[in-house]
């Protein structure tokens, strides 16, 4: 499934299992899979070969071969104009066009959607013709993206809490006729989640994701947010030098490069001085990540500690 979403929020379904539409994606699309990479290497002064010094993903270019159909030429032209307006780069100040994709299994069930912000680079000029009573125009739409990775369309939220095991029947006789499906044994209850100082956060993406941390008081620092070693990297520590929050007060730490900031709710104090000098903003690597809060005095814990992140992918 491929959907193009315009700056005005309009959507153009370009490809779907069993789908039809006035704008159709033909074979030959490029730029939807592995992104280009820039790997910087350094030559050894006295040894054979070289070693990698830095790696970064490059912005990608996407080519979409499109055919626009209409029962008449005016209908085809109207659809093309609608697409042109939806891709107008001069209207991107608050909203960028998006390319939304999802793969389907053999039964036609789609996985979770992925998206990437794009902008129009060219290609909406092409050939026209008529076949089987329909007027068509064929175009090679070129889109570019400054963000090289596709990303999930929803955030993943993980709170430092766990639900105790063991469900208890709501009704004494465990009446199955009062269950949702008539088979599961009736309604059941469990106690509220309880605080834990260590959780496992699973990143389903294919590249690291920078989390946003939300801390709700009462709490008084210093303390550390620690990610244990993963299969891709060693243990990492984000040091909170000083943070004092009263009950109900909160602080938010955004760790994504280019968007890093520390903010606080009304009445609370949290800014750059909250963090240690040259803080380490670590990623949640693909797969399981064991994350803990360390250094709090005995019996002291926030009423809420929550990590939020958006998985990212190398392609569709």
Protein backbone atom coordinates (compact mmCIF):
# COMPACT_ATOMS: atom_id res chain seq x y z
CA UNK A 1 0.00 0.00 0.00
CA UNK A 2 1.30 3.42 -0.98
CA UNK A 3 -0.56 6.64 -0.11
CA UNK A 4 0.60 10.16 -0.94
CA UNK A 5 -0.64 12.75 1.56
CA UNK A 6 -0.57 16.41 0.54
CA UNK A 7 0.17 19.60 2.42
CA UNK A 8 -3.60 20.10 2.78
CA UNK A 9 -4.14 16.65 4.28
CA UNK A 10 -5.70 15.21 1.12
CA UNK A 11 -4.76 11.61 0.34
CA UNK A 12 -4.06 9.88 -2.95
CA UNK A 13 -4.12 6.06 -2.70
CA UNK A 14 -1.47 5.09 -5.27
CA UNK A 15 -1.34 1.35 -4.72
CA UNK A 16 -3.22 -1.20 -2.64
CA UNK A 17 -4.17 -4.86 -2.77
CA UNK A 18 -7.20 -5.05 -5.06
CA UNK A 19 -7.48 -1.24 -5.08
CA UNK A 20 -8.36 1.15 -7.90
CA UNK A 21 -8.09 4.89 -8.18
CA UNK A 22 -7.64 7.89 -10.45
CA UNK A 23 -3.91 8.13 -9.63
CA UNK A 24 -2.02 4.86 -9.92
CA UNK A 25 1.55 3.84 -9.13
CA UNK A 26 3.19 1.87 -11.96
CA UNK A 27 6.12 -0.50 -11.78
CA UNK A 28 9.57 1.03 -11.47
CA UNK A 29 9.35 3.04 -8.23
CA UNK A 30 12.76 3.82 -6.76
CA UNK A 31 14.07 5.14 -3.46
CA UNK A 32 11.66 3.27 -1.17
CA UNK A 33 14.07 0.70 0.20
CA UNK A 34 17.61 1.00 1.62
CA UNK A 35 18.69 4.63 1.86
CA UNK A 36 22.07 5.89 0.60
CA UNK A 37 24.87 6.05 3.17
CA UNK A 38 28.01 8.12 3.59
CA UNK A 39 30.70 6.05 5.34
CA UNK A 40 33.81 8.06 6.19
CA UNK A 41 36.98 5.98 6.43
CA UNK A 42 40.47 6.83 7.66
CA UNK A 43 43.65 5.35 6.25
CA UNK A 44 46.05 3.68 8.68
CA UNK A 45 49.46 5.40 8.59
CA UNK A 46 51.49 2.17 8.66
CA UNK A 47 49.00 -0.69 8.31
CA UNK A 48 47.09 -2.19 5.43
CA UNK A 49 43.59 -0.90 4.70
CA UNK A 50 41.50 1.64 6.58
CA UNK A 51 38.89 1.89 9.36
CA UNK A 52 35.42 3.49 9.53
CA UNK A 53 35.42 6.86 11.29
CA UNK A 54 31.84 8.10 10.85
CA UNK A 55 28.61 6.91 9.30
CA UNK A 56 25.53 8.90 8.36
CA UNK A 57 22.40 8.27 6.32
CA UNK A 58 21.90 10.64 3.40
CA UNK A 59 18.69 12.30 2.30
CA UNK A 60 16.86 10.18 -0.23
CA UNK A 61 15.26 10.79 -3.62
CA UNK A 62 12.09 8.87 -4.51
CA UNK A 63 10.81 8.28 -8.04
CA UNK A 64 7.13 7.35 -8.45
CA UNK A 65 5.99 6.48 -12.00
CA UNK A 66 2.35 7.60 -11.98
CA UNK A 67 -0.62 7.37 -14.31
CA UNK A 68 -3.56 9.73 -13.79
CA UNK A 69 -6.87 8.58 -15.27
CA UNK A 70 -10.09 10.36 -16.17
CA UNK A 71 -13.26 9.47 -18.03
CA UNK A 72 -12.69 12.67 -19.99
CA UNK A 73 -9.66 14.90 -20.48
CA UNK A 74 -11.16 17.65 -18.25
CA UNK A 75 -11.63 15.02 -15.51
CA UNK A 76 -8.03 13.88 -15.85
CA UNK A 77 -6.75 17.46 -15.81
CA UNK A 78 -8.82 18.25 -12.70
CA UNK A 79 -7.29 15.27 -10.89
CA UNK A 80 -3.80 16.32 -11.95
CA UNK A 81 -4.39 19.86 -10.69
CA UNK A 82 -5.59 18.46 -7.38
CA UNK A 83 -2.33 16.51 -7.08
CA UNK A 84 -0.24 19.54 -8.09
CA UNK A 85 -1.93 21.69 -5.42
CA UNK A 86 -1.40 19.03 -2.77
CA UNK A 87 2.36 19.02 -3.48
CA UNK A 88 2.83 22.82 -3.56
CA UNK A 89 6.22 23.43 -1.85
CA UNK A 90 5.30 27.04 -0.99
CA UNK A 91 2.66 25.74 1.46
CA UNK A 92 5.02 23.51 3.47
CA UNK A 93 5.60 25.94 6.35
CA UNK A 94 3.50 23.98 8.84
CA UNK A 95 2.93 20.64 7.11
CA UNK A 96 5.00 18.59 4.69
CA UNK A 97 3.63 16.06 2.22
CA UNK A 98 4.01 12.47 3.39
CA UNK A 99 4.47 9.16 1.70
CA UNK A 100 2.67 6.44 3.69
CA UNK A 101 3.50 2.79 2.99
CA UNK A 102 2.66 -0.68 4.31
CA UNK A 103 3.39 -4.20 3.10
CA UNK A 104 0.66 -6.85 2.96
CA UNK A 105 0.93 -10.56 3.67
CA UNK A 106 -0.42 -13.33 1.42
CA UNK A 107 -3.92 -12.83 2.84
CA UNK A 108 -3.90 -9.09 2.14
CA UNK A 109 -3.53 -8.04 5.79
CA UNK A 110 -1.40 -4.93 6.14
CA UNK A 111 1.35 -4.41 8.69
CA UNK A 112 1.60 -1.18 10.67
CA UNK A 113 2.00 1.83 8.40
CA UNK A 114 5.26 3.73 7.95
CA UNK A 115 5.68 7.29 6.72
CA UNK A 116 8.32 9.70 5.50
CA UNK A 117 8.13 13.47 4.97
CA UNK A 118 8.81 14.48 1.36
CA UNK A 119 8.75 17.52 -0.91
CA UNK A 120 8.13 17.93 -4.62
CA UNK A 121 11.27 18.09 -6.76
CA UNK A 122 9.87 17.63 -10.28
CA UNK A 123 8.28 15.28 -12.77
CA UNK A 124 4.67 16.41 -13.08
CA UNK A 125 5.08 16.96 -16.79
CA UNK A 126 4.51 14.06 -19.15
CA UNK A 127 2.69 12.32 -21.98
CA UNK A 128 -1.07 12.09 -22.47
CA UNK A 129 -3.26 9.65 -24.39
CA UNK A 130 -6.55 7.79 -24.57
CA UNK A 131 -7.18 4.05 -24.14
CA UNK A 132 -10.42 2.10 -23.68
CA UNK A 133 -12.44 5.27 -23.30
CA UNK A 134 -10.20 6.72 -20.57
CA UNK A 135 -7.87 9.70 -20.85
CA UNK A 136 -4.56 9.30 -19.09
CA UNK A 137 -1.39 11.21 -18.29
CA UNK A 138 1.88 9.50 -17.39
CA UNK A 139 4.43 11.18 -15.11
CA UNK A 140 7.66 10.41 -13.29
CA UNK A 141 7.04 12.15 -9.96
CA UNK A 142 10.30 12.97 -8.15
CA UNK A 143 10.12 13.52 -4.39
CA UNK A 144 12.97 14.25 -2.01
CA UNK A 145 13.18 13.79 1.75
CA UNK A 146 15.57 15.48 4.15
CA UNK A 147 14.84 12.69 6.66
CA UNK A 148 16.40 9.49 5.33
CA UNK A 149 14.42 7.05 7.51
CA UNK A 150 10.83 5.91 7.31
CA UNK A 151 9.18 6.10 10.72
CA UNK A 152 6.20 4.56 12.45
CA UNK A 153 3.01 6.62 12.47
CA UNK A 154 2.51 6.23 16.23
CA UNK A 155 4.75 6.71 19.24
CA UNK A 156 5.61 3.85 21.56
CA UNK A 157 5.20 4.76 25.24
CA UNK A 158 6.83 2.80 28.06
CA UNK A 159 6.26 3.60 31.72
CA UNK A 160 8.39 2.38 34.61
CA UNK A 161 5.66 0.15 35.99
CA UNK A 162 4.46 -3.42 35.70
CA UNK A 163 1.09 -5.09 36.17
CA UNK A 164 1.14 -7.84 38.78
CA UNK A 165 0.45 -11.31 37.46
CA UNK A 166 -2.72 -13.13 38.35
CA UNK A 167 -6.29 -12.21 37.39
CA UNK A 168 -9.23 -12.68 39.73
CA UNK A 169 -12.83 -13.30 38.59
CA UNK A 170 -15.14 -10.32 39.01
CA UNK A 171 -18.15 -12.57 39.75
CA UNK A 172 -17.85 -15.33 42.37
CA UNK A 173 -19.09 -18.11 40.10
CA UNK A 174 -16.97 -16.94 37.15
CA UNK A 175 -20.04 -16.89 34.89
CA UNK A 176 -18.95 -17.32 31.26
CA UNK A 177 -22.18 -15.76 30.02
CA UNK A 178 -20.97 -12.43 31.38
CA UNK A 179 -17.71 -12.51 29.45
CA UNK A 180 -16.95 -10.57 26.28
CA UNK A 181 -16.90 -13.64 24.06
CA UNK A 182 -18.79 -16.27 26.09
CA UNK A 183 -15.69 -18.45 26.31
CA UNK A 184 -13.05 -16.67 28.36
CA UNK A 185 -14.57 -17.25 31.79
CA UNK A 186 -16.14 -13.91 32.62
CA UNK A 187 -14.71 -10.53 33.57
CA UNK A 188 -11.49 -10.48 35.55
CA UNK A 189 -9.66 -7.91 37.63
CA UNK A 190 -6.07 -7.17 38.51
CA UNK A 191 -4.42 -4.72 40.86
CA UNK A 192 -2.98 -1.42 39.67
CA UNK A 193 0.48 -1.36 38.04
CA UNK A 194 3.32 -0.93 40.52
CA UNK A 195 6.51 1.10 40.23
CA UNK A 196 9.71 -0.60 39.07
CA UNK A 197 13.14 1.00 38.61
CA UNK A 198 14.10 -1.14 35.60
CA UNK A 199 12.17 -1.93 32.42
CA UNK A 200 12.85 -3.54 29.05
CA UNK A 201 11.96 -1.28 26.13
CA UNK A 202 11.70 -3.03 22.75
CA UNK A 203 12.49 -0.97 19.67
CA UNK A 204 10.88 -2.71 16.64
CA UNK A 205 12.68 -0.41 14.21
CA UNK A 206 15.87 -1.04 12.26
CA UNK A 207 17.84 1.98 13.58
CA UNK A 208 18.27 3.59 16.98
CA UNK A 209 15.56 5.92 18.31
CA UNK A 210 16.11 8.83 20.70
CA UNK A 211 13.56 8.77 23.56
CA UNK A 212 11.73 11.67 25.18
CA UNK A 213 11.60 11.36 28.97
CA UNK A 214 8.71 12.66 31.08
CA UNK A 215 9.29 12.78 34.85
CA UNK A 216 6.49 13.62 37.29
CA UNK A 217 7.29 14.50 40.90
CA UNK A 218 7.75 14.30 43.74
CA UNK A 219 11.43 13.66 43.08
CA UNK A 220 14.75 15.26 43.90
CA UNK A 221 17.99 14.57 41.97
CA UNK A 222 20.68 13.79 41.16
CA UNK A 223 20.06 10.46 39.43
CA UNK A 224 20.94 8.64 36.21
CA UNK A 225 18.99 7.14 33.35
CA UNK A 226 21.03 4.11 32.27
CA UNK A 227 20.72 1.93 29.19
CA UNK A 228 22.52 -1.37 29.63
CA UNK A 229 24.83 -2.66 26.90
CA UNK A 230 23.01 -3.94 23.81
CA UNK A 231 24.19 -6.08 20.92
CA UNK A 232 25.16 -2.83 19.16
CA UNK A 233 26.80 -0.74 21.85
CA UNK A 234 28.11 -0.44 25.42
CA UNK A 235 26.30 0.80 28.51
CA UNK A 236 25.27 4.47 28.28
CA UNK A 237 24.30 6.93 31.02
CA UNK A 238 22.30 10.16 30.91
CA UNK A 239 23.18 12.06 34.09
CA UNK A 240 20.52 14.27 35.72
CA UNK A 241 22.61 16.65 37.80
CA UNK A 242 19.86 18.46 39.65
CA UNK A 243 16.08 18.19 39.42
CA UNK A 244 13.56 18.95 42.12
CA UNK A 245 9.88 18.44 41.38
CA UNK A 246 6.98 18.70 43.76
CA UNK A 247 3.92 16.48 43.62
CA UNK A 248 2.23 16.88 40.23
CA UNK A 249 5.07 18.91 38.73
CA UNK A 250 6.77 17.50 35.64
CA UNK A 251 9.87 17.86 33.49
CA UNK A 252 10.38 16.72 29.90
CA UNK A 253 13.75 15.91 28.33
CA UNK A 254 13.83 15.60 24.52
CA UNK A 255 17.03 13.81 23.44
CA UNK A 256 16.70 13.72 19.63
CA UNK A 257 19.59 15.61 17.92
CA UNK A 258 18.46 18.94 16.53
CA UNK A 259 15.42 18.98 18.83
CA UNK A 260 17.11 18.63 22.24
CA UNK A 261 15.39 20.61 24.97
CA UNK A 262 14.51 20.50 28.66
CA UNK A 263 11.18 21.96 29.75
CA UNK A 264 9.10 22.06 32.92
CA UNK A 265 5.47 22.44 33.89
CA UNK A 266 4.16 25.57 35.58
CA UNK A 267 5.82 26.20 38.93
CA UNK A 268 8.69 23.78 38.30
CA UNK A 269 12.29 24.50 37.27
CA UNK A 270 14.06 22.47 34.62
CA UNK A 271 16.47 23.69 31.95
CA UNK A 272 19.92 22.90 30.55
CA UNK A 273 21.43 23.24 34.02
CA UNK A 274 19.36 20.18 34.99
CA UNK A 275 21.73 18.00 32.96
CA UNK A 276 25.39 17.26 33.44
CA UNK A 277 27.92 19.08 31.25
CA UNK A 278 28.13 17.42 27.80
CA UNK A 279 25.26 14.99 28.49
CA UNK A 280 25.16 11.64 26.70
CA UNK A 281 21.92 11.34 24.77
CA UNK A 282 21.79 7.63 23.99
CA UNK A 283 19.48 5.76 21.65
CA UNK A 284 17.14 2.85 22.13
CA UNK A 285 18.82 0.35 19.80
CA UNK A 286 16.86 -2.10 17.64
CA UNK A 287 15.54 -4.94 19.78
CA UNK A 288 15.35 -5.09 23.59
CA UNK A 289 16.89 -2.31 25.71
CA UNK A 290 17.16 -2.66 29.49
CA UNK A 291 16.75 0.84 30.94
CA UNK A 292 16.94 1.76 34.64
CA UNK A 293 16.83 4.78 36.91
CA UNK A 294 19.76 4.74 39.32
CA UNK A 295 21.05 6.82 42.19
CA UNK A 296 17.80 7.75 43.92
CA UNK A 297 17.81 7.67 47.73
CA UNK A 298 16.07 4.68 49.30
CA UNK A 299 12.31 5.05 49.24
CA UNK A 300 12.39 8.00 46.82
CA UNK A 301 10.76 7.60 43.42
CA UNK A 302 8.78 9.78 41.00
CA UNK A 303 5.06 9.28 40.69
CA UNK A 304 5.67 8.68 36.98
CA UNK A 305 8.65 8.10 34.69
CA UNK A 306 7.84 7.59 31.03
CA UNK A 307 9.85 7.14 27.84
CA UNK A 308 8.35 7.90 24.43
CA UNK A 309 9.91 7.19 21.04
CA UNK A 310 9.04 6.75 17.36
CA UNK A 311 10.56 3.67 15.65
CA UNK A 312 12.51 4.32 12.45
CA UNK A 313 13.20 2.04 9.49
CA UNK A 314 15.73 1.78 6.67
CA UNK A 315 13.00 1.44 4.05
CA UNK A 316 9.37 0.54 3.45
